[in-house]
């Protein structure tokens, strides 16, 4: 028979799991952007990133609830999005930071995903 995990150990186990699926999300979303979203207008990139990440988590694990948070596109070619996640009453934040290559100077210029990072941080 196995020992029951303490509350702190269980939280660490769940956060470790969230980090592992965040790595999966990064790989899957990078592939998706390179296949389906080549040359999208940069002003639509944050919404597409947000929708894609929400859809991916919903398909991947229905026990991990993800809700959208704020997005930031203050720098040309850069999108930062924050999501709230929860699994078994453990709350955490999911940060998606994407860098795009722009083909022009305006916000409606076509862009291509250059780099994507998806990380987990514990809500305090």
Foldseek 3Di string as FASTA:
>chain_A
DDDDDDPVVVLVVVQVVVFVVQVVLQVVVLVCQQPPVAFAQQVCVQVVVVVSSQVVCVVPDVQKHKAWDDWDDPDPQKIWTKIWIDHPNFIKIKIKIWGWDFPDDDRRTTIGTDHIGIGIGGDD
